[in-house]
C-alpha atoms as a PDB file:
ATOM      1  CA  UNK A   1      -0.187  -4.220   4.536  1.00  0.00           C
ATOM      2  CA  UNK A   2      -3.197  -3.227   6.135  1.00  0.00           C
ATOM      3  CA  UNK A   3      -7.008  -4.036   4.708  1.00  0.00           C
ATOM      4  CA  UNK A   4      -7.478  -0.432   6.153  1.00  0.00           C
ATOM      5  CA  UNK A   5      -8.516   2.628   3.792  1.00  0.00           C
ATOM      6  CA  UNK A   6      -5.976   4.701   4.929  1.00  0.00           C
ATOM      7  CA  UNK A   7      -3.264   1.820   3.514  1.00  0.00           C
ATOM      8  CA  UNK A   8      -3.292   2.468   0.044  1.00  0.00           C
ATOM      9  CA  UNK A   9      -0.854   5.815   0.358  1.00  0.00           C
ATOM     10  CA  UNK A  10      -0.059   8.052  -2.096  1.00  0.00           C
ATOM     11  CA  UNK A  11      -1.332  11.688  -3.590  1.00  0.00           C
ATOM     12  CA  UNK A  12      -0.292  11.345  -7.248  1.00  0.00           C
ATOM     13  CA  UNK A  13      -2.928  11.909  -9.672  1.00  0.00           C
ATOM     14  CA  UNK A  14      -3.164   8.345 -10.888  1.00  0.00           C
ATOM     15  CA  UNK A  15      -3.537   7.085  -7.551  1.00  0.00           C
ATOM     16  CA  UNK A  16      -6.006   9.902  -6.802  1.00  0.00           C
ATOM     17  CA  UNK A  17      -7.999   8.606  -9.833  1.00  0.00           C
ATOM     18  CA  UNK A  18      -8.037   4.777  -8.962  1.00  0.00           C
ATOM     19  CA  UNK A  19      -9.260   5.795  -5.218  1.00  0.00           C
ATOM     20  CA  UNK A  20     -12.365   8.087  -7.035  1.00  0.00           C
ATOM     21  CA  UNK A  21     -13.194   5.215  -9.387  1.00  0.00           C
ATOM     22  CA  UNK A  22     -13.451   2.663  -6.486  1.00  0.00           C
ATOM     23  CA  UNK A  23     -15.477   4.860  -4.509  1.00  0.00           C
ATOM     24  CA  UNK A  24     -17.952   5.485  -7.301  1.00  0.00           C
ATOM     25  CA  UNK A  25     -18.209   2.232  -8.313  1.00  0.00           C
ATOM     26  CA  UNK A  26     -18.807   0.708  -4.612  1.00  0.00           C
ATOM     27  CA  UNK A  27     -21.733   1.310  -4.687  1.00  0.00           C
ATOM     28  CA  UNK A  28     -23.485  -0.618  -7.611  1.00  0.00           C
ATOM     29  CA  UNK A  29     -23.365  -4.693  -8.138  1.00  0.00           C
ATOM     30  CA  UNK A  30     -21.559  -4.710 -10.888  1.00  0.00           C
ATOM     31  CA  UNK A  31     -18.081  -6.454 -11.667  1.00  0.00           C
ATOM     32  CA  UNK A  32     -15.339  -4.742 -11.793  1.00  0.00           C
ATOM     33  CA  UNK A  33     -11.599  -5.095 -13.376  1.00  0.00           C
ATOM     34  CA  UNK A  34      -8.833  -3.955 -12.076  1.00  0.00           C
ATOM     35  CA  UNK A  35      -5.498  -3.355 -13.947  1.00  0.00           C
ATOM     36  CA  UNK A  36      -2.265  -2.643 -13.041  1.00  0.00           C
ATOM     37  CA  UNK A  37       1.381  -4.628 -12.792  1.00  0.00           C
ATOM     38  CA  UNK A  38       2.103  -7.387  -9.935  1.00  0.00           C
ATOM     39  CA  UNK A  39       2.577  -5.634  -7.066  1.00  0.00           C
ATOM     40  CA  UNK A  40       0.700  -2.655  -7.820  1.00  0.00           C
ATOM     41  CA  UNK A  41      -1.734  -3.450  -5.090  1.00  0.00           C
ATOM     42  CA  UNK A  42      -5.016  -4.361  -6.813  1.00  0.00           C
ATOM     43  CA  UNK A  43      -6.171  -6.422  -3.873  1.00  0.00           C
ATOM     44  CA  UNK A  44      -5.773  -3.445  -1.396  1.00  0.00           C
ATOM     45  CA  UNK A  45      -8.199  -2.082  -4.178  1.00  0.00           C
ATOM     46  CA  UNK A  46     -10.256  -4.535  -4.100  1.00  0.00           C
ATOM     47  CA  UNK A  47     -10.740  -4.788  -0.743  1.00  0.00           C
ATOM     48  CA  UNK A  48     -11.463  -1.311  -0.211  1.00  0.00           C
ATOM     49  CA  UNK A  49     -14.229  -1.650  -3.193  1.00  0.00           C
ATOM     50  CA  UNK A  50     -15.729  -4.168  -0.979  1.00  0.00           C
ATOM     51  CA  UNK A  51     -15.355  -2.345   2.377  1.00  0.00           C
ATOM     52  CA  UNK A  52     -17.243   0.883   0.670  1.00  0.00           C
ATOM     53  CA  UNK A  53     -20.085  -1.315  -0.825  1.00  0.00           C
ATOM     54  CA  UNK A  54     -23.574  -2.259   0.474  1.00  0.00           C
ATOM     55  CA  UNK A  55     -22.119  -5.798   0.902  1.00  0.00           C
ATOM     56  CA  UNK A  56     -19.723  -4.795   3.312  1.00  0.00           C
ATOM     57  CA  UNK A  57     -21.009  -6.873   5.673  1.00  0.00           C
ATOM     58  CA  UNK A  58     -20.822 -10.223   3.964  1.00  0.00           C
ATOM     59  CA  UNK A  59     -17.344 -12.180   3.022  1.00  0.00           C
ATOM     60  CA  UNK A  60     -14.392 -10.843   1.061  1.00  0.00           C
ATOM     61  CA  UNK A  61     -13.118 -13.958  -0.596  1.00  0.00           C
ATOM     62  CA  UNK A  62      -9.598 -14.003  -2.679  1.00  0.00           C
ATOM     63  CA  UNK A  63      -8.460 -16.605  -5.162  1.00  0.00           C
ATOM     64  CA  UNK A  64      -5.310 -15.897  -6.951  1.00  0.00           C
ATOM     65  CA  UNK A  65      -6.368 -18.194 -10.755  1.00  0.00           C
ATOM     66  CA  UNK A  66      -2.634 -18.175 -11.582  1.00  0.00           C
ATOM     67  CA  UNK A  67      -1.695 -20.186  -8.756  1.00  0.00           C
ATOM     68  CA  UNK A  68      -4.093 -23.093  -8.932  1.00  0.00           C
ATOM     69  CA  UNK A  69      -3.630 -25.934 -11.055  1.00  0.00           C
ATOM     70  CA  UNK A  70      -6.357 -26.398 -13.726  1.00  0.00           C
ATOM     71  CA  UNK A  71      -7.089 -29.751 -12.486  1.00  0.00           C
ATOM     72  CA  UNK A  72      -8.277 -28.297  -9.144  1.00  0.00           C
ATOM     73  CA  UNK A  73      -9.469 -24.843 -10.229  1.00  0.00           C
ATOM     74  CA  UNK A  74     -13.270 -26.175 -10.721  1.00  0.00           C
ATOM     75  CA  UNK A  75     -13.251 -27.847  -7.052  1.00  0.00           C
ATOM     76  CA  UNK A  76     -11.788 -24.537  -5.475  1.00  0.00           C
ATOM     77  CA  UNK A  77     -14.534 -22.479  -6.984  1.00  0.00           C
ATOM     78  CA  UNK A  78     -17.266 -24.374  -6.864  1.00  0.00           C
ATOM     79  CA  UNK A  79     -16.725 -27.247  -4.369  1.00  0.00           C
ATOM     80  CA  UNK A  80     -17.646 -30.786  -4.516  1.00  0.00           C
ATOM     81  CA  UNK A  81     -19.771 -33.599  -2.758  1.00  0.00           C
ATOM     82  CA  UNK A  82     -18.083 -36.357  -0.850  1.00  0.00           C
ATOM     83  CA  UNK A  83     -17.140 -39.147  -3.252  1.00  0.00           C
ATOM     84  CA  UNK A  84     -16.687 -36.902  -6.337  1.00  0.00           C
ATOM     85  CA  UNK A  85     -13.425 -38.227  -6.787  1.00  0.00           C
ATOM     86  CA  UNK A  86     -10.651 -39.893  -4.380  1.00  0.00           C
ATOM     87  CA  UNK A  87      -9.989 -38.346  -1.543  1.00  0.00           C
ATOM     88  CA  UNK A  88     -13.421 -36.282  -1.325  1.00  0.00           C
ATOM     89  CA  UNK A  89     -13.942 -37.957   2.363  1.00  0.00           C
ATOM     90  CA  UNK A  90     -16.683 -35.006   3.046  1.00  0.00           C
ATOM     91  CA  UNK A  91     -18.217 -31.936   1.147  1.00  0.00           C
ATOM     92  CA  UNK A  92     -16.538 -29.130   0.468  1.00  0.00           C
ATOM     93  CA  UNK A  93     -18.062 -25.361   0.206  1.00  0.00           C
ATOM     94  CA  UNK A  94     -16.502 -23.841  -2.951  1.00  0.00           C
ATOM     95  CA  UNK A  95     -15.287 -20.251  -2.771  1.00  0.00           C
ATOM     96  CA  UNK A  96     -17.694 -18.478  -4.863  1.00  0.00           C
ATOM     97  CA  UNK A  97     -20.285 -20.654  -2.409  1.00  0.00           C
ATOM     98  CA  UNK A  98     -18.311 -18.918   0.238  1.00  0.00           C
ATOM     99  CA  UNK A  99     -18.655 -15.235  -0.768  1.00  0.00           C
ATOM    100  CA  UNK A 100     -22.365 -15.433  -1.457  1.00  0.00           C
ATOM    101  CA  UNK A 101     -23.711 -11.654  -0.445  1.00  0.00           C
ATOM    102  CA  UNK A 102     -20.263 -11.003  -0.171  1.00  0.00           C
ATOM    103  CA  UNK A 103     -17.527 -10.068  -2.844  1.00  0.00           C
ATOM    104  CA  UNK A 104     -15.498 -12.794  -4.601  1.00  0.00           C
ATOM    105  CA  UNK A 105     -12.030 -11.583  -5.880  1.00  0.00           C
ATOM    106  CA  UNK A 106     -10.700 -13.418  -8.804  1.00  0.00           C
ATOM    107  CA  UNK A 107      -6.985 -12.530  -9.233  1.00  0.00           C
ATOM    108  CA  UNK A 108      -5.150 -12.740 -12.770  1.00  0.00           C
ATOM    109  CA  UNK A 109      -8.684 -13.726 -14.294  1.00  0.00           C
ATOM    110  CA  UNK A 110      -6.477 -13.629 -17.563  1.00  0.00           C
ATOM    111  CA  UNK A 111      -4.822 -16.816 -16.401  1.00  0.00           C
ATOM    112  CA  UNK A 112      -7.814 -18.885 -16.056  1.00  0.00           C
ATOM    113  CA  UNK A 113      -7.901 -21.903 -18.271  1.00  0.00           C
ATOM    114  CA  UNK A 114     -10.589 -22.024 -20.992  1.00  0.00           C
ATOM    115  CA  UNK A 115     -12.522 -24.504 -19.252  1.00  0.00           C
ATOM    116  CA  UNK A 116     -12.818 -22.561 -16.229  1.00  0.00           C
ATOM    117  CA  UNK A 117     -13.682 -19.543 -18.200  1.00  0.00           C
ATOM    118  CA  UNK A 118     -16.798 -21.423 -19.417  1.00  0.00           C
ATOM    119  CA  UNK A 119     -17.990 -22.438 -15.909  1.00  0.00           C
ATOM    120  CA  UNK A 120     -17.335 -19.341 -14.596  1.00  0.00           C
ATOM    121  CA  UNK A 121     -19.274 -17.484 -17.425  1.00  0.00           C
ATOM    122  CA  UNK A 122     -22.263 -19.779 -16.940  1.00  0.00           C
ATOM    123  CA  UNK A 123     -22.385 -18.740 -13.105  1.00  0.00           C
ATOM    124  CA  UNK A 124     -22.388 -14.988 -14.100  1.00  0.00           C
ATOM    125  CA  UNK A 125     -25.122 -15.562 -16.909  1.00  0.00           C
ATOM    126  CA  UNK A 126     -27.225 -18.223 -14.417  1.00  0.00           C
ATOM    127  CA  UNK A 127     -26.032 -17.285 -10.765  1.00  0.00           C
ATOM    128  CA  UNK A 128     -26.055 -20.733  -9.768  1.00  0.00           C
ATOM    129  CA  UNK A 129     -23.201 -23.104  -9.314  1.00  0.00           C
ATOM    130  CA  UNK A 130     -23.014 -26.775  -9.022  1.00  0.00           C
ATOM    131  CA  UNK A 131     -20.880 -28.696  -7.108  1.00  0.00           C
ATOM    132  CA  UNK A 132     -18.184 -31.007  -8.566  1.00  0.00           C
ATOM    133  CA  UNK A 133     -20.008 -34.398  -8.275  1.00  0.00           C
ATOM    134  CA  UNK A 134     -23.359 -32.867  -7.411  1.00  0.00           C
ATOM    135  CA  UNK A 135     -26.639 -32.789  -9.368  1.00  0.00           C
ATOM    136  CA  UNK A 136     -28.227 -29.629  -8.125  1.00  0.00           C
ATOM    137  CA  UNK A 137     -27.775 -25.933  -8.968  1.00  0.00           C
ATOM    138  CA  UNK A 138     -27.320 -23.511  -5.800  1.00  0.00           C
ATOM    139  CA  UNK A 139     -28.167 -19.705  -6.515  1.00  0.00           C
ATOM    140  CA  UNK A 140     -25.059 -17.824  -5.392  1.00  0.00           C
ATOM    141  CA  UNK A 141     -25.151 -13.649  -5.200  1.00  0.00           C
ATOM    142  CA  UNK A 142     -21.427 -12.976  -4.874  1.00  0.00           C
ATOM    143  CA  UNK A 143     -20.259  -9.429  -6.352  1.00  0.00           C
ATOM    144  CA  UNK A 144     -17.126 -10.262  -8.628  1.00  0.00           C
ATOM    145  CA  UNK A 145     -13.902  -8.281  -8.663  1.00  0.00           C
ATOM    146  CA  UNK A 146     -11.379  -9.224 -10.851  1.00  0.00           C
ATOM    147  CA  UNK A 147      -7.912  -8.271 -11.495  1.00  0.00           C
ATOM    148  CA  UNK A 148      -5.222  -9.021 -14.360  1.00  0.00           C
ATOM    149  CA  UNK A 149      -2.139  -7.668 -14.922  1.00  0.00           C
ATOM    150  CA  UNK A 150      -2.542  -8.343 -18.927  1.00  0.00           C
ATOM    151  CA  UNK A 151      -4.980  -6.543 -21.104  1.00  0.00           C
ATOM    152  CA  UNK A 152      -7.944  -8.868 -21.588  1.00  0.00           C
ATOM    153  CA  UNK A 153      -9.238  -6.977 -25.282  1.00  0.00           C
ATOM    154  CA  UNK A 154      -5.653  -8.378 -26.452  1.00  0.00           C
ATOM    155  CA  UNK A 155      -6.349 -11.809 -24.571  1.00  0.00           C
ATOM    156  CA  UNK A 156      -9.434 -11.903 -26.469  1.00  0.00           C
ATOM    157  CA  UNK A 157      -7.681 -11.042 -29.948  1.00  0.00           C
ATOM    158  CA  UNK A 158      -5.160 -13.819 -29.567  1.00  0.00           C
ATOM    159  CA  UNK A 159      -8.187 -16.284 -28.566  1.00  0.00           C
ATOM    160  CA  UNK A 160      -6.791 -16.891 -25.028  1.00  0.00           C
ATOM    161  CA  UNK A 161     -10.063 -14.975 -23.136  1.00  0.00           C
ATOM    162  CA  UNK A 162     -13.468 -15.625 -24.201  1.00  0.00           C
ATOM    163  CA  UNK A 163     -15.109 -12.875 -25.795  1.00  0.00           C
ATOM    164  CA  UNK A 164     -18.544 -13.143 -23.827  1.00  0.00           C
ATOM    165  CA  UNK A 165     -16.742 -13.386 -21.046  1.00  0.00           C
ATOM    166  CA  UNK A 166     -14.608 -10.415 -21.191  1.00  0.00           C
ATOM    167  CA  UNK A 167     -18.141  -8.640 -21.795  1.00  0.00           C
ATOM    168  CA  UNK A 168     -19.358  -9.976 -18.823  1.00  0.00           C
ATOM    169  CA  UNK A 169     -16.979  -8.891 -16.549  1.00  0.00           C
ATOM    170  CA  UNK A 170     -15.655  -5.638 -18.793  1.00  0.00           C
ATOM    171  CA  UNK A 171     -18.243  -3.195 -17.573  1.00  0.00           C
ATOM    172  CA  UNK A 172     -16.690  -1.062 -15.144  1.00  0.00           C
ATOM    173  CA  UNK A 173     -12.576  -1.024 -14.943  1.00  0.00           C
ATOM    174  CA  UNK A 174      -9.797   0.670 -12.805  1.00  0.00           C
ATOM    175  CA  UNK A 175      -6.427   1.745 -14.060  1.00  0.00           C
ATOM    176  CA  UNK A 176      -3.862   1.226 -10.891  1.00  0.00           C
ATOM    177  CA  UNK A 177      -0.597   2.866 -12.010  1.00  0.00           C
ATOM    178  CA  UNK A 178       2.684   1.488 -11.378  1.00  0.00           C
ATOM    179  CA  UNK A 179       5.066   2.710  -8.964  1.00  0.00           C
ATOM    180  CA  UNK A 180       7.267   4.074 -11.469  1.00  0.00           C
ATOM    181  CA  UNK A 181       4.727   6.309 -12.465  1.00  0.00           C
ATOM    182  CA  UNK A 182       3.914   7.700  -9.436  1.00  0.00           C
ATOM    183  CA  UNK A 183       7.528   9.015  -8.028  1.00  0.00           C
ATOM    184  CA  UNK A 184       5.908  11.503  -5.744  1.00  0.00           C
ATOM    185  CA  UNK A 185       4.342   8.520  -3.771  1.00  0.00           C
ATOM    186  CA  UNK A 186       7.293   6.606  -2.891  1.00  0.00           C
ATOM    187  CA  UNK A 187       8.900   8.681  -0.117  1.00  0.00           C
ATOM    188  CA  UNK A 188       4.739   8.784   1.619  1.00  0.00           C
ATOM    189  CA  UNK A 189       4.868   4.778   1.337  1.00  0.00           C
ATOM    190  CA  UNK A 190       8.047   4.606   2.578  1.00  0.00           C
ATOM    191  CA  UNK A 191       7.164   6.511   5.750  1.00  0.00           C
ATOM    192  CA  UNK A 192       4.026   4.686   6.345  1.00  0.00           C
ATOM    193  CA  UNK A 193       6.108   1.451   5.806  1.00  0.00           C
ATOM    194  CA  UNK A 194       8.680   2.592   8.325  1.00  0.00           C
ATOM    195  CA  UNK A 195       6.460   3.874  11.211  1.00  0.00           C
ATOM    196  CA  UNK A 196       4.255   0.686  10.744  1.00  0.00           C
ATOM    197  CA  UNK A 197       7.155  -1.712  11.163  1.00  0.00           C
ATOM    198  CA  UNK A 198       8.667  -0.063  13.747  1.00  0.00           C
ATOM    199  CA  UNK A 199       5.217   0.063  15.542  1.00  0.00           C
ATOM    200  CA  UNK A 200       4.576  -3.446  14.872  1.00  0.00           C
ATOM    201  CA  UNK A 201       8.534  -4.842  16.134  1.00  0.00           C
ATOM    202  CA  UNK A 202       8.200  -2.674  18.722  1.00  0.00           C
ATOM    203  CA  UNK A 203      11.633  -0.681  17.557  1.00  0.00           C
ATOM    204  CA  UNK A 204      10.897   2.406  19.217  1.00  0.00           C
ATOM    205  CA  UNK A 205      11.472   5.868  17.360  1.00  0.00           C
ATOM    206  CA  UNK A 206      11.650   5.227  13.329  1.00  0.00           C
ATOM    207  CA  UNK A 207      14.780   6.264  11.798  1.00  0.00           C
ATOM    208  CA  UNK A 208      15.204   9.184   9.647  1.00  0.00           C
ATOM    209  CA  UNK A 209      16.281   8.518   5.746  1.00  0.00           C
ATOM    210  CA  UNK A 210      19.192  10.448   4.453  1.00  0.00           C
ATOM    211  CA  UNK A 211      18.712  12.942   1.485  1.00  0.00           C
ATOM    212  CA  UNK A 212      21.195  10.282  -0.476  1.00  0.00           C
ATOM    213  CA  UNK A 213      18.951   7.416   0.075  1.00  0.00           C
ATOM    214  CA  UNK A 214      15.706   8.923  -0.693  1.00  0.00           C
ATOM    215  CA  UNK A 215      17.377  10.142  -4.161  1.00  0.00           C
ATOM    216  CA  UNK A 216      18.506   6.499  -4.652  1.00  0.00           C
ATOM    217  CA  UNK A 217      14.637   5.385  -3.990  1.00  0.00           C
ATOM    218  CA  UNK A 218      13.143   8.265  -6.344  1.00  0.00           C
ATOM    219  CA  UNK A 219      15.269   7.312  -9.306  1.00  0.00           C
ATOM    220  CA  UNK A 220      14.871   3.192  -9.234  1.00  0.00           C
ATOM    221  CA  UNK A 221      12.408   2.129 -11.730  1.00  0.00           C
ATOM    222  CA  UNK A 222      10.759  -0.014  -8.987  1.00  0.00           C
ATOM    223  CA  UNK A 223       9.851  -3.266 -11.119  1.00  0.00           C
ATOM    224  CA  UNK A 224       8.080  -5.185  -8.467  1.00  0.00           C
ATOM    225  CA  UNK A 225       6.330  -2.046  -7.429  1.00  0.00           C
ATOM    226  CA  UNK A 226       4.701  -1.397  -4.016  1.00  0.00           C
ATOM    227  CA  UNK A 227       5.120  -5.073  -3.400  1.00  0.00           C
ATOM    228  CA  UNK A 228       8.894  -4.548  -4.124  1.00  0.00           C
ATOM    229  CA  UNK A 229       8.987  -1.457  -1.864  1.00  0.00           C
ATOM    230  CA  UNK A 230       7.689  -2.978   1.032  1.00  0.00           C
ATOM    231  CA  UNK A 231      10.238  -5.793   0.692  1.00  0.00           C
ATOM    232  CA  UNK A 232      13.128  -3.297   0.260  1.00  0.00           C
ATOM    233  CA  UNK A 233      11.804  -1.177   3.868  1.00  0.00           C
ATOM    234  CA  UNK A 234      11.395  -4.946   5.689  1.00  0.00           C
ATOM    235  CA  UNK A 235      14.913  -5.877   4.521  1.00  0.00           C
ATOM    236  CA  UNK A 236      16.672  -2.867   5.392  1.00  0.00           C
ATOM    237  CA  UNK A 237      15.034  -2.509   8.921  1.00  0.00           C
ATOM    238  CA  UNK A 238      15.817  -5.770  10.071  1.00  0.00           C
ATOM    239  CA  UNK A 239      19.640  -5.682   8.834  1.00  0.00           C
ATOM    240  CA  UNK A 240      19.705  -1.969  10.350  1.00  0.00           C
ATOM    241  CA  UNK A 241      18.896  -2.573  13.928  1.00  0.00           C
ATOM    242  CA  UNK A 242      18.981   0.334  16.073  1.00  0.00           C
ATOM    243  CA  UNK A 243      20.054   2.882  13.369  1.00  0.00           C
ATOM    244  CA  UNK A 244      19.014   6.370  13.751  1.00  0.00           C
ATOM    245  CA  UNK A 245      19.327   7.037  10.054  1.00  0.00           C
ATOM    246  CA  UNK A 246      19.054   4.909   7.012  1.00  0.00           C
ATOM    247  CA  UNK A 247      21.605   5.908   4.288  1.00  0.00           C
ATOM    248  CA  UNK A 248      21.509   5.208   0.673  1.00  0.00           C
ATOM    249  CA  UNK A 249      24.075   1.734   1.136  1.00  0.00           C
ATOM    250  CA  UNK A 250      21.446   0.518   3.676  1.00  0.00           C
ATOM    251  CA  UNK A 251      18.716  -0.024   1.211  1.00  0.00           C
ATOM    252  CA  UNK A 252      19.694  -2.912  -1.271  1.00  0.00           C
ATOM    253  CA  UNK A 253      18.155  -2.598  -4.536  1.00  0.00           C
ATOM    254  CA  UNK A 254      18.267  -4.833  -7.456  1.00  0.00           C
ATOM    255  CA  UNK A 255      21.538  -3.668  -9.492  1.00  0.00           C
ATOM    256  CA  UNK A 256      20.735  -4.962 -12.598  1.00  0.00           C
ATOM    257  CA  UNK A 257      17.902  -2.326 -12.328  1.00  0.00           C
ATOM    258  CA  UNK A 258      20.185   0.096 -11.153  1.00  0.00           C
ATOM    259  CA  UNK A 259      20.827   1.816 -14.624  1.00  0.00           C
ATOM    260  CA  UNK A 260      20.068   5.312 -15.149  1.00  0.00           C
ATOM    261  CA  UNK A 261      16.288   5.004 -16.018  1.00  0.00           C
ATOM    262  CA  UNK A 262      15.370   5.489 -19.869  1.00  0.00           C
ATOM    263  CA  UNK A 263      13.485   8.378 -19.167  1.00  0.00           C
ATOM    264  CA  UNK A 264      16.421  10.352 -18.200  1.00  0.00           C
ATOM    265  CA  UNK A 265      18.271  12.066 -20.960  1.00  0.00           C
ATOM    266  CA  UNK A 266      22.216  12.238 -20.894  1.00  0.00           C
ATOM    267  CA  UNK A 267      23.861  15.489 -18.853  1.00  0.00           C
ATOM    268  CA  UNK A 268      24.564  17.231 -21.792  1.00  0.00           C
ATOM    269  CA  UNK A 269      21.677  17.335 -24.695  1.00  0.00           C
ATOM    270  CA  UNK A 270      21.562  18.659 -28.030  1.00  0.00           C
ATOM    271  CA  UNK A 271      20.904  22.202 -28.216  1.00  0.00           C
ATOM    272  CA  UNK A 272      18.026  22.151 -29.809  1.00  0.00           C
ATOM    273  CA  UNK A 273      16.532  20.817 -26.710  1.00  0.00           C
ATOM    274  CA  UNK A 274      13.562  22.666 -24.881  1.00  0.00           C
ATOM    275  CA  UNK A 275      15.039  24.129 -22.135  1.00  0.00           C
ATOM    276  CA  UNK A 276      12.112  23.067 -19.408  1.00  0.00           C
ATOM    277  CA  UNK A 277      12.829  19.295 -20.424  1.00  0.00           C
ATOM    278  CA  UNK A 278      16.514  19.503 -20.588  1.00  0.00           C
ATOM    279  CA  UNK A 279      16.620  20.904 -17.165  1.00  0.00           C
ATOM    280  CA  UNK A 280      14.517  18.296 -15.705  1.00  0.00           C
ATOM    281  CA  UNK A 281      16.563  15.814 -17.745  1.00  0.00           C
ATOM    282  CA  UNK A 282      19.528  17.075 -16.081  1.00  0.00           C
ATOM    283  CA  UNK A 283      18.377  17.681 -12.371  1.00  0.00           C
ATOM    284  CA  UNK A 284      17.140  13.791 -12.658  1.00  0.00           C
ATOM    285  CA  UNK A 285      20.709  13.291 -13.822  1.00  0.00           C
ATOM    286  CA  UNK A 286      22.310  14.774 -11.057  1.00  0.00           C
ATOM    287  CA  UNK A 287      20.104  13.312  -8.442  1.00  0.00           C
ATOM    288  CA  UNK A 288      20.849   9.826  -9.533  1.00  0.00           C
ATOM    289  CA  UNK A 289      24.451  10.356  -9.858  1.00  0.00           C
ATOM    290  CA  UNK A 290      24.274  11.904  -5.798  1.00  0.00           C
ATOM    291  CA  UNK A 291      21.986   9.046  -4.658  1.00  0.00           C
ATOM    292  CA  UNK A 292      24.513   6.343  -6.171  1.00  0.00           C
ATOM    293  CA  UNK A 293      27.424   8.509  -4.591  1.00  0.00           C
ATOM    294  CA  UNK A 294      25.969   9.019  -1.199  1.00  0.00           C
ATOM    295  CA  UNK A 295      26.091  12.622  -1.779  1.00  0.00           C
ATOM    296  CA  UNK A 296      29.656  12.928  -2.472  1.00  0.00           C
ATOM    297  CA  UNK A 297      29.610  15.537  -5.029  1.00  0.00           C
ATOM    298  CA  UNK A 298      33.401  14.299  -5.803  1.00  0.00           C
ATOM    299  CA  UNK A 299      32.263  10.785  -7.094  1.00  0.00           C
ATOM    300  CA  UNK A 300      29.259  11.997  -8.461  1.00  0.00           C
ATOM    301  CA  UNK A 301      31.026  14.374 -10.899  1.00  0.00           C
ATOM    302  CA  UNK A 302      33.370  11.287 -12.056  1.00  0.00           C
ATOM    303  CA  UNK A 303      30.088   9.049 -12.560  1.00  0.00           C
ATOM    304  CA  UNK A 304      28.989  11.873 -14.596  1.00  0.00           C
ATOM    305  CA  UNK A 305      32.139  12.586 -16.476  1.00  0.00           C
ATOM    306  CA  UNK A 306      32.345  16.345 -15.329  1.00  0.00           C
ATOM    307  CA  UNK A 307      34.522  18.177 -12.949  1.00  0.00           C
ATOM    308  CA  UNK A 308      33.087  18.829  -9.727  1.00  0.00           C
ATOM    309  CA  UNK A 309      33.115  22.531 -10.373  1.00  0.00           C
ATOM    310  CA  UNK A 310      30.338  21.991 -13.427  1.00  0.00           C
ATOM    311  CA  UNK A 311      28.524  19.735 -10.969  1.00  0.00           C
ATOM    312  CA  UNK A 312      28.093  22.277  -8.142  1.00  0.00           C
ATOM    313  CA  UNK A 313      27.159  25.272 -11.061  1.00  0.00           C
ATOM    314  CA  UNK A 314      24.555  23.091 -12.070  1.00  0.00           C
ATOM    315  CA  UNK A 315      23.277  22.147  -9.303  1.00  0.00           C
ATOM    316  CA  UNK A 316      23.288  26.028  -8.329  1.00  0.00           C
ATOM    317  CA  UNK A 317      21.029  26.697 -11.437  1.00  0.00           C
ATOM    318  CA  UNK A 318      18.672  23.602 -10.603  1.00  0.00           C
ATOM    319  CA  UNK A 319      17.954  25.545  -7.020  1.00  0.00           C
ATOM    320  CA  UNK A 320      17.706  28.868  -8.968  1.00  0.00           C
ATOM    321  CA  UNK A 321      15.212  27.547 -11.216  1.00  0.00           C
ATOM    322  CA  UNK A 322      12.806  25.385  -8.781  1.00  0.00           C
ATOM    323  CA  UNK A 323      14.350  21.865 -10.065  1.00  0.00           C
END
C-alpha cells in the first residue's frame, strides 16, 4: 500500500487514537514503540511518524529484525569494512548509518538476539556505531522507531529482552488495534483497496460489493488483519475480471476461520440476558448466517436451526430497533 498519509484508512476510535498519538509524537526525536499484531500496518504508521517529523527530508530505513539471521544482524545494522570477513571485498555502509538524520525503523525488535540487543543499546546510549572489522567510532543521529507484535515488558520478565534496552525504547508507544476490533473500518478499507487496484490495473469502473459479501467480510475474524484484507481484495479482483458486482462466493477466506466469531452468542440466549446484548448478539448471528448463505433466507434459517418465518420476524425486529 502507499506511503501517503491517506493510506491509513479508518475512522474507528482505535485508529483515530493511534493516528492522533503518531501526530503528537512526530515532533520529538524520542524513540517510539509501535505495538500491534502482524499485518496491522505498523510500518505505515512508522512512515507517517517520519513524514510528519522535522526529519522528513532524511531517509526512512526499515529493517525486519526477525528476518535477518543472528550472524548477519550486526553487519546489516552497522556495516563492515573491507576484509572484515570472507567475502567482504569492499566497505559497506550499514542501515543505521544510512538512516543518519532520518529514521531507522526496527520492525519486530522483540526478536533481536541478546548480542544484537547489547549493540543496539550501546548505539542508543552513545550515538556511535563501529563497522564490523573497523576501529573507528562513527557518530550517528537517527530517530529510532521500533515495532513489535509481542509485549516487550513480558519479554523483560521472561529474560528474553534487556531491561535497560526496554527503558531506552519504551518512552513513547502507540497501540494499533487489530482489524477485528475495528470492524467499522473493514468496508472503508475494502473500498479503498478495490478502487486503488482498479486504477493501478486499468480495470475501469470498480465493481460494487453485494450486501451478502459485505456481511461475510464483516463477521470474518481477519487473523491476518489489514494485510490479509489486502491479499483477499487482490485475489478476488484477479479471479473476477470484468465483474460488475462481487458476491459472497467471490471472496475466498480461510475455511478454518469461518466459524462464528467467539463474541457472537447463539441466536436464542438465556432469558436473563440484557435486552441490548441479546439483540446485538442475535443480529450478528443473523448477519453471519445470511452472509454464509449469500442472502438466501431459507438456507440462512436452516443454518440457524429456525423456521424461515422466525428469521424474517427477527429481521423485522432488528430493523425496528435499529440493529
